[in-house]
C-alpha atoms as a PDB file:
ATOM      1  CA  MET A   1      -0.217  -0.070   0.207  1.00  0.00           C
ATOM      2  CA  THR A   2       1.310   3.335  -1.099  1.00  0.00           C
ATOM      3  CA  ILE A   3       0.578   5.682   2.176  1.00  0.00           C
ATOM      4  CA  THR A   4       0.457   9.689   1.042  1.00  0.00           C
ATOM      5  CA  ARG A   5      -0.868  12.394   3.092  1.00  0.00           C
ATOM      6  CA  THR A   6      -4.205  12.076   1.608  1.00  0.00           C
ATOM      7  CA  THR A   7      -4.315   8.279   2.400  1.00  0.00           C
ATOM      8  CA  ILE A   8      -3.518   9.277   6.093  1.00  0.00           C
ATOM      9  CA  GLN A   9      -6.166  12.100   6.328  1.00  0.00           C
ATOM     10  CA  SER A  10      -8.995   9.099   4.633  1.00  0.00           C
ATOM     11  CA  SER A  11      -8.072   6.628   7.412  1.00  0.00           C
ATOM     12  CA  GLN A  12      -8.952   9.284  10.116  1.00  0.00           C
ATOM     13  CA  GLU A  13     -12.406   9.647   8.354  1.00  0.00           C
ATOM     14  CA  TRP A  14     -12.642   5.734   7.638  1.00  0.00           C
ATOM     15  CA  PHE A  15     -12.029   4.996  11.380  1.00  0.00           C
ATOM     16  CA  GLN A  16     -14.680   7.381  12.602  1.00  0.00           C
ATOM     17  CA  SER A  17     -17.053   6.531   9.937  1.00  0.00           C
ATOM     18  CA  GLY A  18     -16.442   2.999  11.113  1.00  0.00           C
ATOM     19  CA  VAL A  19     -17.228   3.805  14.669  1.00  0.00           C
ATOM     20  CA  GLU A  20     -20.229   5.752  13.982  1.00  0.00           C
ATOM     21  CA  ARG A  21     -21.771   2.913  12.210  1.00  0.00           C
ATOM     22  CA  VAL A  22     -21.014  -0.254  14.671  1.00  0.00           C
ATOM     23  CA  LEU A  23     -22.553   2.076  17.383  1.00  0.00           C
ATOM     24  CA  THR A  24     -25.645   2.276  15.674  1.00  0.00           C
ATOM     25  CA  GLY A  25     -26.054  -1.124  14.732  1.00  0.00           C
ATOM     26  CA  ARG A  26     -24.530  -0.775  10.854  1.00  0.00           C
ATOM     27  CA  ILE A  27     -22.230  -3.497  11.729  1.00  0.00           C
ATOM     28  CA  ASN A  28     -21.346  -4.644   8.225  1.00  0.00           C
ATOM     29  CA  LEU A  29     -20.592  -1.100   6.944  1.00  0.00           C
ATOM     30  CA  GLY A  30     -18.744  -0.322  10.046  1.00  0.00           C
ATOM     31  CA  LEU A  31     -16.378  -3.354   9.544  1.00  0.00           C
ATOM     32  CA  ASN A  32     -15.478  -2.527   6.172  1.00  0.00           C
ATOM     33  CA  TYR A  33     -14.687   1.269   7.166  1.00  0.00           C
ATOM     34  CA  LEU A  34     -12.587  -0.276  10.337  1.00  0.00           C
ATOM     35  CA  ASP A  35     -10.626  -2.725   7.906  1.00  0.00           C
ATOM     36  CA  ARG A  36      -9.757   0.261   5.549  1.00  0.00           C
ATOM     37  CA  ALA A  37      -8.569   2.237   8.656  1.00  0.00           C
ATOM     38  CA  ILE A  38      -6.574  -0.801  10.132  1.00  0.00           C
ATOM     39  CA  ALA A  39      -4.538  -1.221   7.205  1.00  0.00           C
ATOM     40  CA  VAL A  40      -3.108   2.113   7.018  1.00  0.00           C
ATOM     41  CA  PHE A  41      -2.701   2.368  10.755  1.00  0.00           C
ATOM     42  CA  LYS A  42      -0.422  -0.676  10.428  1.00  0.00           C
ATOM     43  CA  GLU A  43       1.703   0.632   7.749  1.00  0.00           C
ATOM     44  CA  THR A  44       1.991   3.960   9.087  1.00  0.00           C
ATOM     45  CA  GLY A  45       2.905   2.238  12.643  1.00  0.00           C
ATOM     46  CA  ASP A  46       0.160   4.389  14.907  1.00  0.00           C
ATOM     47  CA  LEU A  47      -0.036   1.762  17.558  1.00  0.00           C
ATOM     48  CA  GLN A  48      -2.850   3.770  19.534  1.00  0.00           C
ATOM     49  CA  LYS A  49      -5.188   4.180  16.556  1.00  0.00           C
ATOM     50  CA  LEU A  50      -4.621   0.765  15.351  1.00  0.00           C
ATOM     51  CA  THR A  51      -5.375  -0.696  19.047  1.00  0.00           C
ATOM     52  CA  LEU A  52      -8.371   1.704  19.037  1.00  0.00           C
ATOM     53  CA  ALA A  53      -9.757   0.336  15.575  1.00  0.00           C
ATOM     54  CA  ARG A  54      -9.026  -3.231  16.406  1.00  0.00           C
ATOM     55  CA  HIS A  55     -11.017  -3.328  19.581  1.00  0.00           C
ATOM     56  CA  TYR A  56     -14.012  -1.376  17.911  1.00  0.00           C
ATOM     57  CA  LYS A  57     -13.784  -4.568  15.401  1.00  0.00           C
ATOM     58  CA  LEU A  58     -13.843  -6.819  18.407  1.00  0.00           C
ATOM     59  CA  LEU A  59     -16.931  -4.925  19.720  1.00  0.00           C
ATOM     60  CA  ALA A  60     -18.377  -5.213  16.424  1.00  0.00           C
ATOM     61  CA  TYR A  61     -18.073  -8.723  16.259  1.00  0.00           C
ATOM     62  CA  LEU A  62     -19.307  -8.806  19.990  1.00  0.00           C
ATOM     63  CA  LEU A  63     -22.551  -6.578  18.963  1.00  0.00           C
ATOM     64  CA  ASP A  64     -23.254  -8.753  16.191  1.00  0.00           C
ATOM     65  CA  SER A  65     -23.379 -12.034  18.041  1.00  0.00           C
ATOM     66  CA  ARG A  66     -19.975 -13.171  16.418  1.00  0.00           C
ATOM     67  CA  ALA A  67     -18.761 -13.963  19.926  1.00  0.00           C
ATOM     68  CA  GLU A  68     -15.804 -16.523  18.836  1.00  0.00           C
ATOM     69  CA  GLU A  69     -14.575 -13.720  16.477  1.00  0.00           C
ATOM     70  CA  ALA A  70     -14.660 -11.188  19.106  1.00  0.00           C
ATOM     71  CA  GLU A  71     -12.350 -13.689  21.027  1.00  0.00           C
ATOM     72  CA  SER A  72     -10.147 -14.207  18.262  1.00  0.00           C
ATOM     73  CA  LEU A  73      -8.767 -10.312  18.098  1.00  0.00           C
ATOM     74  CA  PHE A  74      -8.631 -10.171  22.092  1.00  0.00           C
ATOM     75  CA  VAL A  75      -4.916 -10.882  22.310  1.00  0.00           C
ATOM     76  CA  GLU A  76      -4.047  -8.625  19.507  1.00  0.00           C
ATOM     77  CA  VAL A  77      -6.108  -5.566  21.330  1.00  0.00           C
ATOM     78  CA  MET A  78      -4.738  -6.235  24.527  1.00  0.00           C
ATOM     79  CA  ALA A  79      -1.121  -6.518  23.568  1.00  0.00           C
ATOM     80  CA  GLY A  80      -1.728  -2.990  22.166  1.00  0.00           C
ATOM     81  CA  TYR A  81      -2.746  -1.505  25.193  1.00  0.00           C
ATOM     82  CA  THR A  82      -0.069  -3.245  27.066  1.00  0.00           C
ATOM     83  CA  ARG A  83       2.535  -1.606  24.986  1.00  0.00           C
ATOM     84  CA  LEU A  84       0.769   1.519  25.401  1.00  0.00           C
ATOM     85  CA  GLU A  85       0.480   0.993  29.240  1.00  0.00           C
ATOM     86  CA  ASP A  86      -3.247   1.970  28.905  1.00  0.00           C
ATOM     87  CA  ALA A  87      -4.589   0.205  32.033  1.00  0.00           C
ATOM     88  CA  TYR A  88      -8.273   1.108  31.003  1.00  0.00           C
ATOM     89  CA  GLY A  89      -7.958  -0.117  27.396  1.00  0.00           C
ATOM     90  CA  GLN A  90      -6.643  -3.123  29.138  1.00  0.00           C
ATOM     91  CA  GLY A  91      -9.537  -3.604  31.388  1.00  0.00           C
ATOM     92  CA  LEU A  92     -12.254  -2.830  28.972  1.00  0.00           C
ATOM     93  CA  ALA A  93     -10.838  -5.412  26.604  1.00  0.00           C
ATOM     94  CA  LEU A  94     -11.079  -8.288  29.333  1.00  0.00           C
ATOM     95  CA  ALA A  95     -14.617  -7.260  30.348  1.00  0.00           C
ATOM     96  CA  HIS A  96     -15.453  -7.428  26.324  1.00  0.00           C
ATOM     97  CA  LEU A  97     -13.683 -10.969  26.104  1.00  0.00           C
ATOM     98  CA  GLY A  98     -15.596 -11.777  29.102  1.00  0.00           C
ATOM     99  CA  GLU A  99     -18.685 -11.111  27.607  1.00  0.00           C
ATOM    100  CA  ALA A 100     -17.813 -13.169  24.511  1.00  0.00           C
ATOM    101  CA  LEU A 101     -16.895 -15.981  26.439  1.00  0.00           C
ATOM    102  CA  THR A 102     -20.323 -15.503  28.589  1.00  0.00           C
ATOM    103  CA  ARG A 103     -22.294 -15.799  25.236  1.00  0.00           C
ATOM    104  CA  GLN A 104     -20.278 -18.941  24.489  1.00  0.00           C
ATOM    105  CA  ASP A 105     -21.738 -20.419  28.106  1.00  0.00           C
ATOM    106  CA  ARG A 106     -18.114 -20.542  29.213  1.00  0.00           C
ATOM    107  CA  LEU A 107     -18.995 -19.149  32.415  1.00  0.00           C
ATOM    108  CA  THR A 108     -15.923 -19.934  34.520  1.00  0.00           C
ATOM    109  CA  GLY A 109     -13.812 -18.342  31.932  1.00  0.00           C
ATOM    110  CA  ALA A 110     -15.912 -15.337  31.608  1.00  0.00           C
ATOM    111  CA  ILE A 111     -15.926 -14.735  35.408  1.00  0.00           C
ATOM    112  CA  SER A 112     -12.067 -15.027  35.705  1.00  0.00           C
ATOM    113  CA  HIS A 113     -11.458 -12.405  32.875  1.00  0.00           C
ATOM    114  CA  PHE A 114     -13.958  -9.958  34.601  1.00  0.00           C
ATOM    115  CA  ASN A 115     -12.366 -10.495  37.898  1.00  0.00           C
ATOM    116  CA  GLN A 116      -9.066  -9.631  36.061  1.00  0.00           C
ATOM    117  CA  ALA A 117     -10.752  -6.441  34.911  1.00  0.00           C
ATOM    118  CA  ARG A 118     -12.031  -5.848  38.332  1.00  0.00           C
ATOM    119  CA  VAL A 119      -8.533  -5.672  39.571  1.00  0.00           C
ATOM    120  CA  ILE A 120      -7.371  -3.402  36.999  1.00  0.00           C
ATOM    121  CA  ALA A 121     -10.417  -1.115  37.449  1.00  0.00           C
ATOM    122  CA  GLU A 122     -10.026  -0.995  41.362  1.00  0.00           C
ATOM    123  CA  THR A 123      -6.281  -0.481  41.054  1.00  0.00           C
ATOM    124  CA  HIS A 124      -6.283   2.365  38.650  1.00  0.00           C
ATOM    125  CA  ASN A 125      -9.663   3.914  40.252  1.00  0.00           C
ATOM    126  CA  LEU A 126     -11.644   3.470  37.205  1.00  0.00           C
ATOM    127  CA  LEU A 127     -15.318   3.770  38.423  1.00  0.00           C
ATOM    128  CA  GLY A 128     -17.072   3.833  35.184  1.00  0.00           C
ATOM    129  CA  LEU A 129     -15.435   0.426  34.365  1.00  0.00           C
ATOM    130  CA  LEU A 130     -16.040  -1.055  37.556  1.00  0.00           C
ATOM    131  CA  ALA A 131     -19.180  -0.543  37.601  1.00  0.00           C
ATOM    132  CA  TYR A 132     -19.798  -2.125  34.468  1.00  0.00           C
ATOM    133  CA  VAL A 133     -17.589  -4.983  35.371  1.00  0.00           C
ATOM    134  CA  LEU A 134     -19.441  -5.522  38.373  1.00  0.00           C
ATOM    135  CA  GLN A 135     -22.774  -5.571  36.945  1.00  0.00           C
ATOM    136  CA  HIS A 136     -21.504  -8.531  34.424  1.00  0.00           C
ATOM    137  CA  LEU A 137     -20.042 -10.271  37.189  1.00  0.00           C
ATOM    138  CA  GLY A 138     -23.579  -9.899  39.338  1.00  0.00           C
ATOM    139  CA  GLN A 139     -25.459 -11.335  36.131  1.00  0.00           C
ATOM    140  CA  LEU A 140     -23.006 -14.412  35.932  1.00  0.00           C
ATOM    141  CA  HIS A 141     -23.278 -15.247  39.595  1.00  0.00           C
ATOM    142  CA  LEU A 142     -27.200 -15.104  38.970  1.00  0.00           C
ATOM    143  CA  GLU A 143     -27.064 -17.276  36.175  1.00  0.00           C
ATOM    144  CA  ARG A 144     -25.303 -19.632  38.632  1.00  0.00           C
ATOM    145  CA  ASP A 145     -27.990 -19.092  41.407  1.00  0.00           C
ATOM    146  CA  ASN A 146     -25.079 -17.408  43.561  1.00  0.00           C
ATOM    147  CA  MET A 147     -28.239 -14.714  44.761  1.00  0.00           C
ATOM    148  CA  VAL A 148     -26.700 -13.421  47.840  1.00  0.00           C
ATOM    149  CA  GLN A 149     -23.166 -13.156  45.765  1.00  0.00           C
ATOM    150  CA  ALA A 150     -24.986 -11.514  43.054  1.00  0.00           C
ATOM    151  CA  LEU A 151     -26.770  -9.481  45.407  1.00  0.00           C
ATOM    152  CA  ARG A 152     -23.594  -7.773  47.030  1.00  0.00           C
ATOM    153  CA  LEU A 153     -22.365  -7.021  43.265  1.00  0.00           C
ATOM    154  CA  PHE A 154     -25.132  -5.140  42.347  1.00  0.00           C
ATOM    155  CA  GLU A 155     -25.103  -3.371  45.671  1.00  0.00           C
ATOM    156  CA  LEU A 156     -21.542  -1.813  44.970  1.00  0.00           C
ATOM    157  CA  ALA A 157     -22.263  -1.107  41.186  1.00  0.00           C
ATOM    158  CA  GLU A 158     -25.529   0.718  42.383  1.00  0.00           C
ATOM    159  CA  ALA A 159     -23.169   2.557  44.834  1.00  0.00           C
ATOM    160  CA  LEU A 160     -20.622   3.521  41.971  1.00  0.00           C
ATOM    161  CA  ALA A 161     -23.683   4.596  39.579  1.00  0.00           C
ATOM    162  CA  THR A 162     -24.734   6.887  42.443  1.00  0.00           C
ATOM    163  CA  ARG A 163     -20.987   8.352  42.983  1.00  0.00           C
ATOM    164  CA  GLU A 164     -20.356   8.931  39.263  1.00  0.00           C
ATOM    165  CA  SER A 165     -23.504  10.275  38.125  1.00  0.00           C
ATOM    166  CA  LEU A 166     -24.500   7.224  35.981  1.00  0.00           C
ATOM    167  CA  GLY A 167     -28.329   7.884  36.031  1.00  0.00           C
ATOM    168  CA  HIS A 168     -28.968   5.525  33.044  1.00  0.00           C
ATOM    169  CA  LEU A 169     -27.263   2.666  35.140  1.00  0.00           C
ATOM    170  CA  PHE A 170     -28.128   3.387  38.532  1.00  0.00           C
ATOM    171  CA  SER A 171     -31.980   2.656  37.728  1.00  0.00           C
ATOM    172  CA  GLN A 172     -30.800  -0.825  35.954  1.00  0.00           C
ATOM    173  CA  PHE A 173     -28.571  -1.995  39.143  1.00  0.00           C
ATOM    174  CA  ARG A 174     -31.601  -1.013  41.463  1.00  0.00           C
ATOM    175  CA  PHE A 175     -33.698  -3.131  39.500  1.00  0.00           C
ATOM    176  CA  GLN A 176     -31.666  -5.959  39.317  1.00  0.00           C
ATOM    177  CA  ARG A 177     -31.244  -5.799  42.861  1.00  0.00           C
ATOM    178  CA  ALA A 178     -35.004  -5.851  43.369  1.00  0.00           C
ATOM    179  CA  GLU A 179     -35.281  -8.899  41.488  1.00  0.00           C
ATOM    180  CA  ILE A 180     -32.886 -10.684  43.389  1.00  0.00           C
ATOM    181  CA  LEU A 181     -34.807  -9.567  46.632  1.00  0.00           C
ATOM    182  CA  VAL A 182     -38.151 -11.134  45.166  1.00  0.00           C
ATOM    183  CA  ARG A 183     -36.420 -14.176  44.593  1.00  0.00           C
ATOM    184  CA  LEU A 184     -35.076 -14.321  48.016  1.00  0.00           C
ATOM    185  CA  GLY A 185     -38.803 -13.661  49.437  1.00  0.00           C
ATOM    186  CA  GLU A 186     -38.113 -10.158  50.627  1.00  0.00           C
ATOM    187  CA  SER A 187     -40.792  -8.537  48.033  1.00  0.00           C
ATOM    188  CA  GLY A 188     -41.168  -6.224  50.900  1.00  0.00           C
ATOM    189  CA  THR A 189     -37.948  -4.474  50.559  1.00  0.00           C
ATOM    190  CA  ALA A 190     -38.256  -5.026  46.466  1.00  0.00           C
ATOM    191  CA  PHE A 191     -41.337  -2.915  45.977  1.00  0.00           C
ATOM    192  CA  ALA A 192     -39.889  -0.225  47.463  1.00  0.00           C
ATOM    193  CA  LEU A 193     -36.938   0.016  45.391  1.00  0.00           C
ATOM    194  CA  LEU A 194     -39.216  -0.892  42.187  1.00  0.00           C
ATOM    195  CA  GLU A 195     -41.574   1.843  42.984  1.00  0.00           C
ATOM    196  CA  ASP A 196     -38.227   4.264  43.016  1.00  0.00           C
ATOM    197  CA  VAL A 197     -37.237   2.569  39.895  1.00  0.00           C
ATOM    198  CA  GLN A 198     -40.133   3.288  37.672  1.00  0.00           C
ATOM    199  CA  THR A 199     -40.531   6.738  39.227  1.00  0.00           C
ATOM    200  CA  ARG A 200     -37.309   7.317  37.919  1.00  0.00           C
ATOM    201  CA  LEU A 201     -37.778   5.919  34.462  1.00  0.00           C
ATOM    202  CA  LEU A 202     -41.435   7.469  33.533  1.00  0.00           C
ATOM    203  CA  SER A 203     -39.770  10.798  34.814  1.00  0.00           C
ATOM    204  CA  ALA A 204     -37.540  10.505  32.283  1.00  0.00           C
ATOM    205  CA  GLY A 205     -39.857   9.422  29.460  1.00  0.00           C
ATOM    206  CA  GLU A 206     -38.002   5.563  29.660  1.00  0.00           C
ATOM    207  CA  PHE A 207     -41.422   4.243  28.850  1.00  0.00           C
ATOM    208  CA  GLU A 208     -40.277   0.666  27.336  1.00  0.00           C
ATOM    209  CA  GLU A 209     -37.650   0.571  30.240  1.00  0.00           C
ATOM    210  CA  ALA A 210     -40.444   1.028  32.822  1.00  0.00           C
ATOM    211  CA  LEU A 211     -42.316  -2.053  31.513  1.00  0.00           C
ATOM    212  CA  ARG A 212     -40.243  -4.453  33.513  1.00  0.00           C
ATOM    213  CA  PRO A 213     -40.260  -3.030  37.086  1.00  0.00           C
ATOM    214  CA  LEU A 214     -44.190  -2.299  36.573  1.00  0.00           C
ATOM    215  CA  SER A 215     -44.477  -5.738  35.719  1.00  0.00           C
ATOM    216  CA  LEU A 216     -42.913  -7.113  38.588  1.00  0.00           C
ATOM    217  CA  LEU A 217     -44.669  -4.709  40.903  1.00  0.00           C
ATOM    218  CA  ARG A 218     -48.102  -5.754  39.549  1.00  0.00           C
ATOM    219  CA  THR A 219     -46.989  -9.192  40.380  1.00  0.00           C
ATOM    220  CA  ILE A 220     -45.877  -8.570  44.069  1.00  0.00           C
ATOM    221  CA  TYR A 221     -48.951  -6.467  44.591  1.00  0.00           C
ATOM    222  CA  GLU A 222     -51.491  -9.265  43.375  1.00  0.00           C
ATOM    223  CA  GLU A 223     -49.777 -11.641  45.561  1.00  0.00           C
ATOM    224  CA  ARG A 224     -50.120  -9.359  48.520  1.00  0.00           C
ATOM    225  CA  ASP A 225     -53.904  -8.565  47.506  1.00  0.00           C
ATOM    226  CA  MET A 226     -52.977  -4.626  47.599  1.00  0.00           C
ATOM    227  CA  GLY A 227     -55.750  -3.721  45.352  1.00  0.00           C
ATOM    228  CA  GLU A 228     -55.106   0.114  45.549  1.00  0.00           C
ATOM    229  CA  ASP A 229     -51.635  -0.155  44.672  1.00  0.00           C
ATOM    230  CA  LEU A 230     -52.643  -2.631  42.095  1.00  0.00           C
ATOM    231  CA  GLU A 231     -55.316  -0.342  40.343  1.00  0.00           C
ATOM    232  CA  ARG A 232     -52.590   2.572  40.125  1.00  0.00           C
ATOM    233  CA  ILE A 233     -50.013   0.062  38.687  1.00  0.00           C
ATOM    234  CA  VAL A 234     -51.979  -1.300  36.123  1.00  0.00           C
ATOM    235  CA  ALA A 235     -52.854   2.425  34.910  1.00  0.00           C
ATOM    236  CA  LEU A 236     -49.337   2.971  34.663  1.00  0.00           C
ATOM    237  CA  LEU A 237     -48.993  -0.009  32.621  1.00  0.00           C
ATOM    238  CA  HIS A 238     -51.911   0.997  30.342  1.00  0.00           C
ATOM    239  CA  SER A 239     -50.320   4.650  30.240  1.00  0.00           C
ATOM    240  CA  CYS A 240     -46.582   3.134  28.990  1.00  0.00           C
ATOM    241  CA  GLY A 241     -48.288   0.919  26.677  1.00  0.00           C
ATOM    242  CA  GLN A 242     -50.439   4.275  24.841  1.00  0.00           C
ATOM    243  CA  LYS A 243     -47.340   6.161  25.312  1.00  0.00           C
ATOM    244  CA  ILE A 244     -44.876   3.518  23.317  1.00  0.00           C
ATOM    245  CA  ILE A 245     -47.805   2.885  20.784  1.00  0.00           C
ATOM    246  CA  GLY A 246     -47.832   6.771  20.346  1.00  0.00           C
ATOM    247  CA  THR A 247     -44.110   7.138  19.458  1.00  0.00           C
ATOM    248  CA  GLU A 248     -43.724   3.887  17.281  1.00  0.00           C
ATOM    249  CA  GLY A 249     -43.663   6.047  14.243  1.00  0.00           C
ATOM    250  CA  GLN A 250     -41.491   8.847  15.381  1.00  0.00           C
ATOM    251  CA  GLN A 251     -37.309   8.195  14.479  1.00  0.00           C
ATOM    252  CA  ARG A 252     -35.064   7.850  17.574  1.00  0.00           C
ATOM    253  CA  SER A 253     -31.332   7.568  17.563  1.00  0.00           C
ATOM    254  CA  HIS A 254     -30.487   4.305  19.181  1.00  0.00           C
ATOM    255  CA  ARG A 255     -26.864   3.136  20.297  1.00  0.00           C
ATOM    256  CA  TYR A 256     -26.303  -0.666  20.199  1.00  0.00           C
ATOM    257  CA  TYR A 257     -23.454  -0.229  23.020  1.00  0.00           C
ATOM    258  CA  ASP A 258     -23.980   1.487  26.271  1.00  0.00           C
ATOM    259  CA  GLY A 259     -20.932   0.237  27.872  1.00  0.00           C
ATOM    260  CA  PRO A 260     -17.862   2.035  28.955  1.00  0.00           C
ATOM    261  CA  PRO A 261     -16.636   4.102  25.936  1.00  0.00           C
ATOM    262  CA  ILE A 262     -13.452   2.806  24.030  1.00  0.00           C
ATOM    263  CA  GLY A 263     -10.350   4.602  24.444  1.00  0.00           C
ATOM    264  CA  LYS A 264     -11.966   7.296  27.165  1.00  0.00           C
ATOM    265  CA  GLY A 265     -10.579   5.908  30.375  1.00  0.00           C
ATOM    266  CA  ARG A 266     -11.182   7.571  33.783  1.00  0.00           C
END
């Protein structure tokens, strides 16, 4: 490949176009742009850009349910971050590998890599990454019916989300904690958390997201014969359904990845 000033400028445009398309779900087109950028970054020896582009390619495979292909890129991505002495990149790459292994039902390996990512995040005070890792560890322990351990992990994640003002994750962590409490037979504690979650989500206009806590509240109130509260929740569910139907025709931007950003560690 002949590298010219124009080629170098174009490679950055290809990279940005690839990232944008991957994050909005246009995976194949995104991969095409990333591959073009990677070829130039390899020729120019730009390790930082090369590593970031490879990591986005790994993420693209992950988002496209191509877990084995995502796993195959990990060694190159991790080697790049190691040479760059980028702890955040290393931690996030380990977390993404953990996700890839989870999707292949290799849960022991997934937990091992998430734990490695947790150590890096805790050592370097990378709190946003740490919350993300704790959430995935909590889900894995939940799948193994280790509910007490999962509950503790979600409590830690919720505390971090509060500390870091990660409002979009706070409601998610609190809901997951409430679900576990219901399974542990502590619905009395759970419904207070669920009421808080549904109020936050409805206030933010997140009607689809509010359906899960509202549905769980309906089940709890039915079981506890709490007629007045049940009527209120049923009315809210109906209202949510109407608002979702009313916005179906509206175009909304949607990001297919809501995890920690690649290349922007804290």
